[in-house]
């Protein structure tokens, strides 16, 4: 079948059984036909037959069997994207209808890490408010571990932050890759110079970000004994930036959060760009799909913008 030319059937939508697409997604997510059959409490031959019927409809092989399960072909990858879009549209239907037929009210509670710079996230908030002016948006700022705890405990519905592990109770959608840099003030003797040997800075006064410090940065500091002499501390990135700019000490900041001060000549990036630690910042929510309409509409707004960015 893999050598056949895919069929271009203008009546495909009226002929295909949409349940076949749901089964295809279940196979991919489960990692194999047998695993999908067990999860769906169905016989394996019926799952295999559903996959075969879908492949016959599209005229292409979608999955190939491997020792560990199944692997998507290029046609399968394209089909998976389309199926996920359709399933997401179906899941959003009640919420979108509610939005179209009445004025949706409610609250969206969001907890984020400090110093977050994300045009996509900002644009999603602005667009969401234009569409749903009666929904109250509340944003709380906290260290990244508190973001995760607040989500798990149901104190907020949406989170934006970092995680060094994966909590099974949470959904993770990559929002952006954040980089950090080591900065000094204009009054520092290091201003205007790049540092290659970090251990030479072990006796410098250091501004720490406490519980908000990313574990990657903690490990880097400990490796080179940075922060042995603490001269300042602020849990909020914006306040840590203030202390560094005022010459209290050197310290790590997200690159995007320090760009404006660097452009003004108030801060200096001490590391070469290829040495900047990088990590993912995620859009977070509980795995429980039973969200209220206000929260679901907001999640969908951000999710669509982030997904379109990643595809472009």
Protein backbone atom coordinates (compact mmCIF):
# COMPACT_ATOMS: atom_id res chain seq x y z
CA UNK A 1 0.00 0.00 0.00
CA UNK A 2 2.91 2.35 0.74
CA UNK A 3 3.77 2.56 -2.99
CA UNK A 4 0.29 3.67 -4.00
CA UNK A 5 -0.51 7.25 -4.90
CA UNK A 6 -2.84 8.74 -2.27
CA UNK A 7 -6.39 9.13 -3.49
CA UNK A 8 -7.80 12.61 -4.06
CA UNK A 9 -11.46 11.99 -3.33
CA UNK A 10 -13.71 15.06 -3.33
CA UNK A 11 -16.40 13.05 -1.53
CA UNK A 12 -14.00 11.83 1.15
CA UNK A 13 -15.72 13.74 3.97
CA UNK A 14 -19.11 12.20 3.20
CA UNK A 15 -17.75 8.68 2.81
CA UNK A 16 -15.24 8.32 5.63
CA UNK A 17 -16.27 7.04 9.05
CA UNK A 18 -15.05 9.71 11.48
CA UNK A 19 -14.75 7.08 14.22
CA UNK A 20 -11.86 5.60 12.23
CA UNK A 21 -9.90 8.80 12.81
CA UNK A 22 -10.61 8.62 16.54
CA UNK A 23 -9.32 5.04 16.55
CA UNK A 24 -6.20 6.09 14.62
CA UNK A 25 -5.44 8.72 17.28
CA UNK A 26 -6.01 6.15 20.04
CA UNK A 27 -3.52 3.77 18.39
CA UNK A 28 -0.85 6.47 18.11
CA UNK A 29 -1.35 7.72 21.66
CA UNK A 30 -1.34 4.21 23.09
CA UNK A 31 1.80 3.30 21.15
CA UNK A 32 0.39 0.27 19.35
CA UNK A 33 -2.67 -1.62 18.18
CA UNK A 34 -2.65 -4.07 21.09
CA UNK A 35 -2.22 -1.30 23.65
CA UNK A 36 -5.08 0.66 22.07
CA UNK A 37 -7.32 -2.42 22.14
CA UNK A 38 -6.66 -2.89 25.86
CA UNK A 39 -7.33 0.77 26.65
CA UNK A 40 -10.54 0.82 24.61
CA UNK A 41 -11.63 -2.63 25.85
CA UNK A 42 -11.99 -3.85 22.27
CA UNK A 43 -10.68 -6.83 20.34
CA UNK A 44 -7.35 -6.28 18.60
CA UNK A 45 -8.62 -7.47 15.17
CA UNK A 46 -11.33 -4.77 15.22
CA UNK A 47 -8.69 -2.09 15.88
CA UNK A 48 -6.51 -3.45 13.06
CA UNK A 49 -9.51 -3.53 10.72
CA UNK A 50 -10.38 0.10 11.55
CA UNK A 51 -6.83 1.20 10.74
CA UNK A 52 -6.91 -0.74 7.46
CA UNK A 53 -10.22 0.86 6.45
CA UNK A 54 -8.86 4.35 7.14
CA UNK A 55 -5.71 3.62 5.11
CA UNK A 56 -7.89 2.42 2.26
CA UNK A 57 -9.91 5.63 2.41
CA UNK A 58 -6.81 7.85 2.20
CA UNK A 59 -4.86 5.55 -0.12
CA UNK A 60 -1.68 5.57 1.97
CA UNK A 61 -0.03 3.62 4.77
CA UNK A 62 -0.36 5.59 8.00
CA UNK A 63 1.42 3.34 10.49
CA UNK A 64 4.15 0.73 10.28
CA UNK A 65 4.69 -1.92 12.92
CA UNK A 66 7.95 -1.84 14.89
CA UNK A 67 9.42 -4.00 17.64
CA UNK A 68 8.15 -1.52 20.23
CA UNK A 69 4.74 -0.82 18.69
CA UNK A 70 3.95 1.38 15.70
CA UNK A 71 5.61 4.27 13.91
CA UNK A 72 3.87 6.95 11.88
CA UNK A 73 4.73 7.36 8.21
CA UNK A 74 4.86 10.86 6.73
CA UNK A 75 1.22 10.39 5.71
CA UNK A 76 0.47 9.25 9.26
CA UNK A 77 2.08 12.34 10.76
CA UNK A 78 -0.02 14.56 8.51
CA UNK A 79 -3.14 12.59 9.43
CA UNK A 80 -2.35 12.88 13.14
CA UNK A 81 -2.14 16.66 12.96
CA UNK A 82 -5.46 16.85 11.14
CA UNK A 83 -7.16 14.40 13.51
CA UNK A 84 -5.95 16.28 16.58
CA UNK A 85 -7.28 19.52 15.11
CA UNK A 86 -10.66 17.92 14.46
CA UNK A 87 -10.87 16.37 17.92
CA UNK A 88 -9.92 19.66 19.52
CA UNK A 89 -12.59 21.44 17.46
CA UNK A 90 -15.19 18.88 18.55
CA UNK A 91 -14.18 19.20 22.19
CA UNK A 92 -14.38 22.99 21.99
CA UNK A 93 -17.80 23.00 20.31
CA UNK A 94 -19.94 23.44 23.47
CA UNK A 95 -17.68 26.22 24.74
CA UNK A 96 -17.62 28.05 21.40
CA UNK A 97 -21.40 27.78 21.08
CA UNK A 98 -21.77 29.20 24.59
CA UNK A 99 -19.50 32.05 23.57
CA UNK A 100 -21.51 32.73 20.40
CA UNK A 101 -24.98 32.55 21.92
CA UNK A 102 -24.56 34.37 25.20
CA UNK A 103 -22.25 36.62 27.12
CA UNK A 104 -19.82 34.27 28.87
CA UNK A 105 -18.95 35.32 32.41
CA UNK A 106 -16.64 33.89 35.00
CA UNK A 107 -13.05 33.94 36.19
CA UNK A 108 -9.76 32.77 34.72
CA UNK A 109 -7.09 32.44 37.40
CA UNK A 110 -3.53 32.31 36.08
CA UNK A 111 -0.30 31.85 38.04
CA UNK A 112 2.99 32.68 36.32
CA UNK A 113 6.67 33.02 37.08
CA UNK A 114 8.03 36.53 37.42
CA UNK A 115 9.76 38.32 34.56
CA UNK A 116 7.86 36.38 31.88
CA UNK A 117 8.29 37.86 28.40
CA UNK A 118 6.03 36.22 25.78
CA UNK A 119 4.36 38.26 23.02
CA UNK A 120 2.20 35.23 22.13
CA UNK A 121 0.88 34.97 25.69
CA UNK A 122 0.22 38.72 25.83
CA UNK A 123 -1.58 38.69 22.48
CA UNK A 124 -3.71 35.76 23.63
CA UNK A 125 -4.81 37.69 26.74
CA UNK A 126 -5.68 40.77 24.65
CA UNK A 127 -7.60 38.73 22.05
CA UNK A 128 -9.40 36.73 24.74
CA UNK A 129 -10.51 39.91 26.53
CA UNK A 130 -11.83 41.44 23.30
CA UNK A 131 -13.94 38.35 22.69
CA UNK A 132 -14.99 37.88 26.32
CA UNK A 133 -15.04 41.25 28.08
CA UNK A 134 -17.21 39.94 30.93
CA UNK A 135 -14.65 37.34 32.03
CA UNK A 136 -12.43 38.49 34.90
CA UNK A 137 -8.73 37.67 34.43
CA UNK A 138 -6.62 37.29 37.55
CA UNK A 139 -2.83 36.88 37.35
CA UNK A 140 -0.69 35.85 40.30
CA UNK A 141 3.11 35.81 40.29
CA UNK A 142 5.15 33.28 42.26
CA UNK A 143 8.29 31.10 42.14
CA UNK A 144 8.00 28.22 39.68
CA UNK A 145 7.45 25.47 42.26
CA UNK A 146 4.52 27.40 43.71
CA UNK A 147 2.99 27.65 40.23
CA UNK A 148 2.97 23.85 39.97
CA UNK A 149 1.64 23.36 43.51
CA UNK A 150 -1.15 25.91 42.99
CA UNK A 151 -2.29 24.07 39.86
CA UNK A 152 -2.27 20.66 41.52
CA UNK A 153 -4.19 21.99 44.52
CA UNK A 154 -6.82 23.66 42.32
CA UNK A 155 -6.01 27.20 43.48
CA UNK A 156 -5.62 28.34 39.84
CA UNK A 157 -6.69 26.91 36.46
CA UNK A 158 -3.80 27.99 34.21
CA UNK A 159 -0.08 28.24 34.89
CA UNK A 160 2.97 29.46 33.02
CA UNK A 161 6.34 28.33 34.26
CA UNK A 162 9.21 25.90 34.39
CA UNK A 163 9.36 22.33 35.64
CA UNK A 164 12.41 20.14 36.06
CA UNK A 165 10.31 16.96 36.13
CA UNK A 166 6.93 15.88 34.75
CA UNK A 167 3.93 15.74 37.07
CA UNK A 168 1.34 13.25 35.87
CA UNK A 169 -1.50 15.45 37.08
CA UNK A 170 -0.52 18.32 34.77
CA UNK A 171 -0.61 19.06 31.03
CA UNK A 172 2.51 20.66 29.51
CA UNK A 173 2.39 22.73 26.33
CA UNK A 174 5.77 24.32 25.40
CA UNK A 175 5.31 28.08 25.27
CA UNK A 176 8.85 29.33 24.68
CA UNK A 177 12.52 28.58 25.21
CA UNK A 178 13.93 30.94 27.81
CA UNK A 179 17.64 31.69 28.07
CA UNK A 180 19.50 33.18 31.01
CA UNK A 181 22.61 35.30 31.14
CA UNK A 182 24.92 36.51 33.89
CA UNK A 183 24.74 40.30 34.26
CA UNK A 184 26.69 43.05 35.97
CA UNK A 185 26.03 46.78 36.35
CA UNK A 186 27.80 49.68 34.67
CA UNK A 187 29.77 50.23 37.90
CA UNK A 188 31.28 46.72 37.79
CA UNK A 189 34.90 46.26 36.64
CA UNK A 190 33.57 43.47 34.38
CA UNK A 191 31.34 45.86 32.41
CA UNK A 192 32.25 45.59 28.72
CA UNK A 193 34.08 42.26 29.08
CA UNK A 194 33.07 38.64 28.46
CA UNK A 195 33.99 36.01 31.05
CA UNK A 196 35.13 32.55 29.95
CA UNK A 197 36.32 31.15 33.29
CA UNK A 198 33.36 31.29 35.65
CA UNK A 199 35.31 30.02 38.65
CA UNK A 200 37.13 33.38 38.65
CA UNK A 201 33.85 34.96 39.81
CA UNK A 202 33.44 32.84 42.95
CA UNK A 203 34.34 35.73 45.28
CA UNK A 204 32.07 38.28 43.58
CA UNK A 205 29.02 39.54 45.44
CA UNK A 206 25.99 37.75 43.99
CA UNK A 207 22.27 38.54 43.73
CA UNK A 208 20.17 35.40 44.10
CA UNK A 209 16.56 34.80 43.09
CA UNK A 210 15.82 32.36 45.92
CA UNK A 211 12.99 29.91 45.30
CA UNK A 212 12.50 31.34 41.81
CA UNK A 213 15.93 30.14 40.67
CA UNK A 214 15.78 27.55 37.89
CA UNK A 215 17.49 24.27 38.85
CA UNK A 216 19.71 24.50 35.77
CA UNK A 217 21.08 27.80 37.13
CA UNK A 218 21.46 26.36 40.64
CA UNK A 219 23.60 23.50 39.32
CA UNK A 220 25.70 25.89 37.23
CA UNK A 221 26.32 28.17 40.19
CA UNK A 222 27.29 25.30 42.46
CA UNK A 223 29.65 23.86 39.87
CA UNK A 224 31.61 27.11 39.71
CA UNK A 225 30.93 28.18 43.33
CA UNK A 226 29.08 31.28 42.21
CA UNK A 227 27.05 32.94 44.95
CA UNK A 228 29.45 31.94 47.70
CA UNK A 229 29.21 35.56 48.81
CA UNK A 230 25.54 36.60 48.66
CA UNK A 231 25.14 40.37 48.53
CA UNK A 232 21.45 40.52 47.63
CA UNK A 233 18.33 38.43 47.07
CA UNK A 234 14.89 38.95 45.50
CA UNK A 235 12.28 36.30 44.73
CA UNK A 236 10.93 38.44 41.88
CA UNK A 237 13.02 38.63 38.68
CA UNK A 238 12.17 42.31 38.24
CA UNK A 239 13.48 43.15 41.70
CA UNK A 240 16.59 41.00 41.21
CA UNK A 241 17.21 42.99 38.03
CA UNK A 242 16.90 46.20 40.05
CA UNK A 243 19.53 45.04 42.56
CA UNK A 244 21.96 43.99 39.83
CA UNK A 245 21.48 47.26 37.94
CA UNK A 246 22.17 49.22 41.15
CA UNK A 247 25.50 47.44 41.58
CA UNK A 248 24.53 45.29 44.59
CA UNK A 249 26.04 42.25 42.87
CA UNK A 250 26.18 40.18 39.69
CA UNK A 251 23.43 37.69 38.94
CA UNK A 252 21.49 35.58 36.47
CA UNK A 253 18.41 36.95 34.69
CA UNK A 254 16.28 35.78 31.75
CA UNK A 255 17.69 37.39 28.60
CA UNK A 256 14.34 38.78 27.46
CA UNK A 257 13.70 40.33 30.88
CA UNK A 258 17.03 42.20 30.76
CA UNK A 259 17.01 43.31 27.10
CA UNK A 260 15.75 46.83 27.74
CA UNK A 261 18.36 47.55 30.43
CA UNK A 262 21.13 46.10 28.25
CA UNK A 263 20.03 48.34 25.37
CA UNK A 264 20.20 51.37 27.68
CA UNK A 265 23.70 50.39 28.87
CA UNK A 266 22.58 49.80 32.45
CA UNK A 267 23.35 46.05 32.42
CA UNK A 268 26.09 44.05 30.73
CA UNK A 269 25.86 40.35 29.68
CA UNK A 270 29.05 38.75 30.99
CA UNK A 271 28.83 35.35 29.24
CA UNK A 272 29.35 34.47 25.59
CA UNK A 273 25.97 33.77 23.95
CA UNK A 274 26.74 30.09 23.32
CA UNK A 275 27.19 29.58 27.07
CA UNK A 276 23.73 30.86 28.03
CA UNK A 277 21.66 28.20 29.86
CA UNK A 278 18.35 27.46 28.07
CA UNK A 279 15.19 25.66 29.17
CA UNK A 280 11.49 25.34 28.29
CA UNK A 281 8.73 27.50 29.74
CA UNK A 282 5.36 25.72 29.61
CA UNK A 283 1.71 26.60 29.46
CA UNK A 284 0.28 24.42 32.23
CA UNK A 285 -3.10 23.08 33.29
CA UNK A 286 -4.47 20.11 35.17
CA UNK A 287 -5.09 16.99 33.09
CA UNK A 288 -8.71 16.98 34.26
CA UNK A 289 -10.58 17.98 31.07
CA UNK A 290 -13.72 19.18 32.89
CA UNK A 291 -12.83 22.88 32.76
CA UNK A 292 -15.43 25.61 32.93
CA UNK A 293 -16.15 27.53 29.73
CA UNK A 294 -14.16 30.63 30.71
CA UNK A 295 -11.00 28.63 31.43
CA UNK A 296 -11.41 26.41 28.38
CA UNK A 297 -11.83 29.39 26.06
CA UNK A 298 -8.68 31.00 27.45
CA UNK A 299 -6.65 27.78 27.16
CA UNK A 300 -7.81 27.38 23.57
CA UNK A 301 -6.84 30.97 22.72
CA UNK A 302 -3.27 30.55 23.97
CA UNK A 303 -2.95 26.99 22.66
CA UNK A 304 -3.95 27.99 19.11
CA UNK A 305 -1.45 30.85 19.03
CA UNK A 306 1.41 28.77 20.39
CA UNK A 307 0.64 25.87 18.07
CA UNK A 308 0.51 28.09 14.99
CA UNK A 309 3.85 29.63 16.01
CA UNK A 310 5.49 26.20 16.35
CA UNK A 311 4.19 25.11 12.95
CA UNK A 312 5.43 28.21 11.13
